[in-house]
């Protein structure tokens, strides 16, 4: 992976380009704000910013207590806008997420009461603790930025981002996300335990207070939209496109993958690399942008052979990552 998070200009041309300075400053402010509560994890912060800049959704998968929810809340507080947290449980219903039409006797009509999905940042906390029926209620919102309820379509306000957290699949009372749901997440990341220095600081300096209470918005929604538009303009050389095409083709020819990378997965990898380059301070992609993001952007979209039972899902996921990592090393990177 790349070095710790730094956001610097690519050179004099990038620094002087109209609009580049404001976008770069916006990213720096967000990164600094989130890093105040996510200590010692610059790459995690960078990947979260990448998802935001690419108009994507983020799946944070790890054991309890490492800061999954804190990351989502810190990102939401830093960019302003509206934020809603949905605690996913086994009895949660689609209407609890999307909303419901309620009859109003005074008017004699049904009025729609919007659910928590109508927010700029939605935290889907422990998403794999609810049933597949409820999980699927997020599909349209995540892929099209809208929801359909009672024959009506409601467009969600932009920016719109779902940050979902989930515990490992082997934990009691969890439901594995179907492939169609996994495919809606731009990146899947893990936070991991902090190093000793960062963990000591968390334990000794924070006491009983919540550090998130001190965070305030450092950019507004217009700044976020400008960042997203800038990410789409990031240049990708034709040789890098060919490299991506070759790696995707390798996944489709591999006898060890039951489900290879789809066209949506290819597109997500491409968009993520553009955003990753922008977060790194460049208006062009380099090979490492694609290589660094291959596993976070693609591993959760492929399925290795042998995934048949709940007990084997964790091992099958590790096998998928192993196969994909081998393919990444096999495909030559353009120079």
Protein backbone atom coordinates (compact mmCIF):
# COMPACT_ATOMS: atom_id res chain seq x y z
CA UNK A 1 0.00 0.00 0.00
CA UNK A 2 1.03 3.63 -0.32
CA UNK A 3 2.75 5.77 2.27
CA UNK A 4 0.87 7.57 5.08
CA UNK A 5 -1.72 10.09 4.00
CA UNK A 6 -0.30 13.23 2.45
CA UNK A 7 -2.20 15.58 0.19
CA UNK A 8 0.20 17.72 -1.79
CA UNK A 9 0.22 19.36 -5.17
CA UNK A 10 1.56 17.39 -8.12
CA UNK A 11 3.58 20.41 -9.24
CA UNK A 12 3.31 24.07 -10.19
CA UNK A 13 0.79 23.37 -12.92
CA UNK A 14 -1.52 21.54 -10.54
CA UNK A 15 -1.15 24.23 -7.89
CA UNK A 16 -2.04 27.03 -10.30
CA UNK A 17 -4.91 25.27 -12.08
CA UNK A 18 -8.27 27.02 -11.52
CA UNK A 19 -10.27 25.30 -8.81
CA UNK A 20 -7.56 22.79 -7.90
CA UNK A 21 -6.45 24.73 -4.82
CA UNK A 22 -9.95 24.78 -3.31
CA UNK A 23 -10.48 21.06 -3.93
CA UNK A 24 -7.12 20.23 -2.42
CA UNK A 25 -7.82 22.37 0.64
CA UNK A 26 -11.21 20.76 1.09
CA UNK A 27 -9.64 17.30 1.11
CA UNK A 28 -6.94 18.42 3.53
CA UNK A 29 -9.53 19.81 5.93
CA UNK A 30 -11.63 16.65 5.89
CA UNK A 31 -8.59 14.40 6.31
CA UNK A 32 -7.29 16.45 9.23
CA UNK A 33 -10.71 16.46 10.91
CA UNK A 34 -11.29 12.71 10.61
CA UNK A 35 -7.71 11.96 11.71
CA UNK A 36 -8.37 13.74 14.99
CA UNK A 37 -10.50 10.80 16.11
CA UNK A 38 -9.16 7.96 13.93
CA UNK A 39 -5.63 7.95 15.31
CA UNK A 40 -2.73 6.22 13.61
CA UNK A 41 -4.73 5.09 10.57
CA UNK A 42 -3.85 7.44 7.69
CA UNK A 43 -4.52 4.82 5.00
CA UNK A 44 -7.99 4.11 6.42
CA UNK A 45 -8.78 7.84 6.35
CA UNK A 46 -7.47 8.06 2.80
CA UNK A 47 -9.67 5.20 1.61
CA UNK A 48 -12.72 6.74 3.29
CA UNK A 49 -12.02 10.02 1.47
CA UNK A 50 -11.58 8.07 -1.75
CA UNK A 51 -15.09 6.63 -1.43
CA UNK A 52 -16.53 10.05 -0.74
CA UNK A 53 -14.72 11.67 -3.67
CA UNK A 54 -15.79 8.88 -6.05
CA UNK A 55 -19.50 9.17 -5.10
CA UNK A 56 -19.22 5.65 -3.71
CA UNK A 57 -20.33 3.72 -0.66
CA UNK A 58 -18.01 2.25 1.93
CA UNK A 59 -18.18 -1.08 3.75
CA UNK A 60 -16.10 -1.23 6.91
CA UNK A 61 -15.66 -4.80 8.09
CA UNK A 62 -13.89 -5.63 11.32
CA UNK A 63 -14.28 -6.89 14.86
CA UNK A 64 -16.16 -4.75 17.43
CA UNK A 65 -14.36 -1.91 19.13
CA UNK A 66 -11.84 -0.77 16.52
CA UNK A 67 -13.62 2.42 15.41
CA UNK A 68 -15.93 1.45 12.54
CA UNK A 69 -18.83 3.60 13.73
CA UNK A 70 -16.50 6.39 14.81
CA UNK A 71 -15.06 6.60 11.29
CA UNK A 72 -18.50 7.04 9.76
CA UNK A 73 -19.62 9.61 12.30
CA UNK A 74 -16.37 11.57 11.99
CA UNK A 75 -16.69 11.73 8.21
CA UNK A 76 -20.30 12.89 8.44
CA UNK A 77 -19.54 15.56 11.04
CA UNK A 78 -16.62 16.86 8.98
CA UNK A 79 -18.58 17.48 5.77
CA UNK A 80 -21.75 18.91 7.29
CA UNK A 81 -25.07 18.08 5.69
CA UNK A 82 -27.51 15.64 7.21
CA UNK A 83 -26.56 12.42 8.95
CA UNK A 84 -28.68 9.45 10.00
CA UNK A 85 -27.70 6.30 11.80
CA UNK A 86 -29.65 3.09 11.26
CA UNK A 87 -29.01 0.34 13.78
CA UNK A 88 -29.60 -2.86 11.85
CA UNK A 89 -31.29 -5.62 13.84
CA UNK A 90 -33.08 -8.83 12.96
CA UNK A 91 -36.52 -7.22 13.33
CA UNK A 92 -35.79 -4.15 11.17
CA UNK A 93 -38.18 -3.73 8.23
CA UNK A 94 -37.68 -1.99 4.85
CA UNK A 95 -40.19 0.70 5.87
CA UNK A 96 -37.98 1.51 8.86
CA UNK A 97 -35.28 2.54 6.39
CA UNK A 98 -37.16 3.99 3.44
CA UNK A 99 -40.19 5.51 5.11
CA UNK A 100 -43.93 4.91 5.02
CA UNK A 101 -47.17 6.54 3.86
CA UNK A 102 -49.39 7.57 6.75
CA UNK A 103 -53.08 8.42 6.52
CA UNK A 104 -53.83 11.91 7.86
CA UNK A 105 -57.49 12.22 8.94
CA UNK A 106 -57.45 16.03 8.78
CA UNK A 107 -56.67 16.03 5.05
CA UNK A 108 -58.12 12.65 4.15
CA UNK A 109 -54.94 11.78 2.31
CA UNK A 110 -51.86 9.65 2.71
CA UNK A 111 -48.66 11.56 3.39
CA UNK A 112 -45.20 10.14 2.98
CA UNK A 113 -42.96 10.22 6.05
CA UNK A 114 -39.37 9.90 4.93
CA UNK A 115 -37.13 7.31 6.58
CA UNK A 116 -33.51 7.72 7.63
CA UNK A 117 -32.25 6.86 4.12
CA UNK A 118 -33.00 10.49 3.24
CA UNK A 119 -29.71 11.98 4.41
CA UNK A 120 -26.36 12.96 2.94
CA UNK A 121 -24.46 10.38 4.98
CA UNK A 122 -26.23 7.25 6.20
CA UNK A 123 -24.55 4.96 8.70
CA UNK A 124 -25.82 1.41 8.23
CA UNK A 125 -24.51 0.07 11.52
CA UNK A 126 -23.96 -3.70 11.67
CA UNK A 127 -25.70 -4.17 8.34
CA UNK A 128 -25.27 -7.93 8.42
CA UNK A 129 -27.43 -8.30 11.52
CA UNK A 130 -30.66 -7.77 9.58
CA UNK A 131 -32.45 -10.08 7.17
CA UNK A 132 -31.76 -10.20 3.42
CA UNK A 133 -35.17 -8.67 2.74
CA UNK A 134 -34.26 -5.56 4.69
CA UNK A 135 -30.73 -5.48 3.30
CA UNK A 136 -32.16 -5.40 -0.23
CA UNK A 137 -34.13 -2.24 0.50
CA UNK A 138 -30.86 -0.33 0.13
CA UNK A 139 -30.09 -1.52 -3.40
CA UNK A 140 -31.95 1.12 -5.40
CA UNK A 141 -30.75 3.95 -3.17
CA UNK A 142 -27.13 2.87 -3.40
CA UNK A 143 -27.07 2.24 -7.14
CA UNK A 144 -29.38 4.96 -8.45
CA UNK A 145 -29.62 7.56 -5.70
CA UNK A 146 -33.37 7.23 -5.40
CA UNK A 147 -36.03 5.10 -3.73
CA UNK A 148 -39.40 3.84 -4.95
CA UNK A 149 -42.23 3.61 -2.43
CA UNK A 150 -45.95 3.02 -3.05
CA UNK A 151 -45.55 3.69 -6.76
CA UNK A 152 -43.68 6.95 -6.22
CA UNK A 153 -40.02 7.69 -6.85
CA UNK A 154 -38.07 9.99 -4.57
CA UNK A 155 -34.65 11.32 -5.56
CA UNK A 156 -32.11 11.49 -2.75
CA UNK A 157 -30.16 14.67 -2.11
CA UNK A 158 -26.54 14.75 -3.23
CA UNK A 159 -23.98 14.05 -1.99
CA UNK A 160 -25.34 10.72 -0.81
CA UNK A 161 -23.12 8.12 0.82
CA UNK A 162 -23.78 4.93 2.75
CA UNK A 163 -21.13 3.90 5.23
CA UNK A 164 -21.96 0.39 6.38
CA UNK A 165 -20.27 -1.53 9.15
CA UNK A 166 -20.34 -5.24 9.70
CA UNK A 167 -18.78 -7.75 12.04
CA UNK A 168 -17.04 -10.86 10.74
CA UNK A 169 -19.41 -13.39 9.21
CA UNK A 170 -18.77 -16.03 11.84
CA UNK A 171 -20.19 -13.85 14.62
CA UNK A 172 -23.47 -15.06 16.11
CA UNK A 173 -26.68 -13.67 14.62
CA UNK A 174 -25.33 -12.37 11.32
CA UNK A 175 -26.63 -12.73 7.75
CA UNK A 176 -24.06 -12.69 4.94
CA UNK A 177 -24.66 -9.91 2.43
CA UNK A 178 -25.67 -11.23 -1.01
CA UNK A 179 -23.38 -10.61 -3.97
CA UNK A 180 -25.73 -7.97 -5.40
CA UNK A 181 -25.48 -5.98 -2.17
CA UNK A 182 -21.71 -6.33 -1.89
CA UNK A 183 -21.36 -5.10 -5.46
CA UNK A 184 -22.94 -1.75 -4.49
CA UNK A 185 -20.04 -0.87 -2.21
CA UNK A 186 -17.20 0.95 -3.92
CA UNK A 187 -14.64 -0.21 -1.35
CA UNK A 188 -14.46 -2.70 1.48
CA UNK A 189 -11.88 -1.88 4.11
CA UNK A 190 -10.71 -3.05 7.50
CA UNK A 191 -9.48 -0.75 10.24
CA UNK A 192 -7.49 -3.12 12.44
CA UNK A 193 -6.07 -2.41 15.86
CA UNK A 194 -4.06 0.80 16.34
CA UNK A 195 -0.37 0.74 17.09
CA UNK A 196 0.74 1.00 20.72
CA UNK A 197 1.38 4.75 20.58
CA UNK A 198 -2.02 5.62 19.12
CA UNK A 199 -3.82 3.20 21.42
CA UNK A 200 -2.10 4.63 24.49
CA UNK A 201 -3.18 8.13 23.42
CA UNK A 202 -6.78 6.99 23.01
CA UNK A 203 -6.81 5.39 26.45
CA UNK A 204 -5.00 8.09 28.41
CA UNK A 205 -6.26 11.34 26.89
CA UNK A 206 -9.93 10.82 26.14
CA UNK A 207 -11.33 9.85 29.52
CA UNK A 208 -15.10 9.51 29.45
CA UNK A 209 -15.72 12.17 26.80
CA UNK A 210 -16.59 11.56 23.18
CA UNK A 211 -14.00 13.18 20.86
CA UNK A 212 -16.65 13.39 18.14
CA UNK A 213 -18.39 16.10 20.17
CA UNK A 214 -15.51 18.42 19.34
CA UNK A 215 -15.73 17.94 15.57
CA UNK A 216 -17.41 20.62 13.48
CA UNK A 217 -18.01 20.78 9.73
CA UNK A 218 -14.84 21.87 7.94
CA UNK A 219 -16.41 22.02 4.45
CA UNK A 220 -19.93 22.42 3.11
CA UNK A 221 -21.85 20.26 0.67
CA UNK A 222 -20.87 22.44 -2.29
CA UNK A 223 -17.22 21.73 -1.49
CA UNK A 224 -17.92 18.00 -1.44
CA UNK A 225 -19.68 18.15 -4.81
CA UNK A 226 -16.72 20.09 -6.23
CA UNK A 227 -14.36 17.36 -4.99
CA UNK A 228 -16.52 14.69 -6.65
CA UNK A 229 -16.59 16.57 -9.94
CA UNK A 230 -12.81 17.03 -9.82
CA UNK A 231 -12.33 13.29 -9.24
CA UNK A 232 -14.25 12.51 -12.42
CA UNK A 233 -11.86 14.71 -14.40
CA UNK A 234 -8.74 12.90 -13.18
CA UNK A 235 -6.78 11.73 -16.22
CA UNK A 236 -6.24 8.00 -16.81
CA UNK A 237 -3.72 6.99 -19.45
CA UNK A 238 -4.76 4.44 -22.04
CA UNK A 239 -2.02 2.05 -20.87
CA UNK A 240 -3.64 1.94 -17.41
CA UNK A 241 -7.03 1.15 -18.94
CA UNK A 242 -5.45 -1.75 -20.81
CA UNK A 243 -3.83 -2.95 -17.57
CA UNK A 244 -7.23 -2.95 -15.85
CA UNK A 245 -8.85 -4.76 -18.75
CA UNK A 246 -6.20 -7.48 -18.61
CA UNK A 247 -6.61 -8.02 -14.87
CA UNK A 248 -10.41 -8.16 -15.16
CA UNK A 249 -10.06 -10.67 -17.99
CA UNK A 250 -7.75 -12.79 -15.81
CA UNK A 251 -10.44 -13.00 -13.11
CA UNK A 252 -12.92 -14.24 -15.71
CA UNK A 253 -10.55 -16.93 -16.90
CA UNK A 254 -9.41 -18.09 -13.46
CA UNK A 255 -10.62 -21.61 -12.57
CA UNK A 256 -10.48 -20.65 -8.89
CA UNK A 257 -13.16 -17.94 -9.06
CA UNK A 258 -16.84 -18.82 -9.31
CA UNK A 259 -17.79 -15.16 -9.68
CA UNK A 260 -15.23 -12.88 -11.41
CA UNK A 261 -15.14 -9.09 -11.62
CA UNK A 262 -18.26 -7.66 -13.28
CA UNK A 263 -18.51 -4.61 -15.51
CA UNK A 264 -19.83 -2.67 -12.52
CA UNK A 265 -16.81 -3.81 -10.54
CA UNK A 266 -14.46 -2.67 -13.32
CA UNK A 267 -16.18 0.72 -13.41
CA UNK A 268 -15.99 1.05 -9.62
CA UNK A 269 -12.26 0.26 -9.63
CA UNK A 270 -11.70 2.88 -12.32
CA UNK A 271 -13.66 5.58 -10.44
CA UNK A 272 -11.96 4.72 -7.16
CA UNK A 273 -8.50 5.05 -8.71
CA UNK A 274 -9.39 8.48 -10.10
CA UNK A 275 -10.52 9.62 -6.64
CA UNK A 276 -7.49 8.02 -4.97
CA UNK A 277 -5.19 9.99 -7.25
CA UNK A 278 -7.02 13.21 -6.40
CA UNK A 279 -6.78 12.51 -2.66
CA UNK A 280 -3.06 11.90 -3.22
CA UNK A 281 -2.71 15.38 -4.71
CA UNK A 282 -2.59 14.52 -8.41
CA UNK A 283 -4.87 15.19 -11.37
CA UNK A 284 -3.66 12.04 -13.13
CA UNK A 285 -3.49 8.36 -12.20
CA UNK A 286 -0.35 6.29 -11.81
CA UNK A 287 -0.12 2.47 -11.79
CA UNK A 288 0.03 2.33 -7.98
CA UNK A 289 -3.41 3.96 -7.75
CA UNK A 290 -4.95 0.94 -9.42
CA UNK A 291 -2.69 -1.60 -7.75
CA UNK A 292 -3.26 -0.19 -4.25
CA UNK A 293 -7.03 -0.23 -4.75
CA UNK A 294 -7.36 -3.61 -6.46
CA UNK A 295 -8.11 -5.54 -3.27
CA UNK A 296 -10.31 -2.89 -1.54
CA UNK A 297 -12.29 -2.34 -4.75
CA UNK A 298 -12.49 -5.87 -6.17
CA UNK A 299 -12.00 -8.54 -3.50
CA UNK A 300 -15.54 -8.25 -2.09
CA UNK A 301 -17.01 -8.62 -5.58
CA UNK A 302 -15.45 -11.98 -6.46
CA UNK A 303 -16.35 -15.39 -5.07
CA UNK A 304 -13.87 -18.23 -4.79
CA UNK A 305 -14.77 -21.86 -5.17
CA UNK A 306 -15.88 -23.68 -2.05
CA UNK A 307 -18.21 -21.04 -0.54
CA UNK A 308 -21.11 -23.30 0.35
CA UNK A 309 -21.89 -23.00 4.05
CA UNK A 310 -21.88 -20.24 6.62
CA UNK A 311 -18.90 -21.81 8.34
CA UNK A 312 -16.83 -21.65 5.16
CA UNK A 313 -17.66 -18.09 4.12
CA UNK A 314 -14.79 -16.51 6.02
CA UNK A 315 -12.28 -18.93 4.54
CA UNK A 316 -13.77 -18.48 1.06
CA UNK A 317 -13.34 -14.72 1.40
CA UNK A 318 -9.68 -15.15 2.34
CA UNK A 319 -9.27 -17.50 -0.61
CA UNK A 320 -10.81 -14.92 -2.98
CA UNK A 321 -8.37 -12.30 -1.74
CA UNK A 322 -5.46 -14.71 -2.17
CA UNK A 323 -6.43 -15.60 -5.75
CA UNK A 324 -6.94 -11.94 -6.64
CA UNK A 325 -3.59 -10.99 -5.08
CA UNK A 326 -1.85 -13.64 -7.19
CA UNK A 327 -3.50 -12.30 -10.35
CA UNK A 328 -2.42 -8.77 -9.47
CA UNK A 329 1.19 -9.92 -9.18
CA UNK A 330 0.94 -11.86 -12.45
CA UNK A 331 -0.37 -9.03 -14.63
CA UNK A 332 2.48 -6.69 -15.63
CA UNK A 333 2.08 -3.07 -14.60
CA UNK A 334 2.63 -0.46 -17.33
CA UNK A 335 5.80 1.58 -17.03
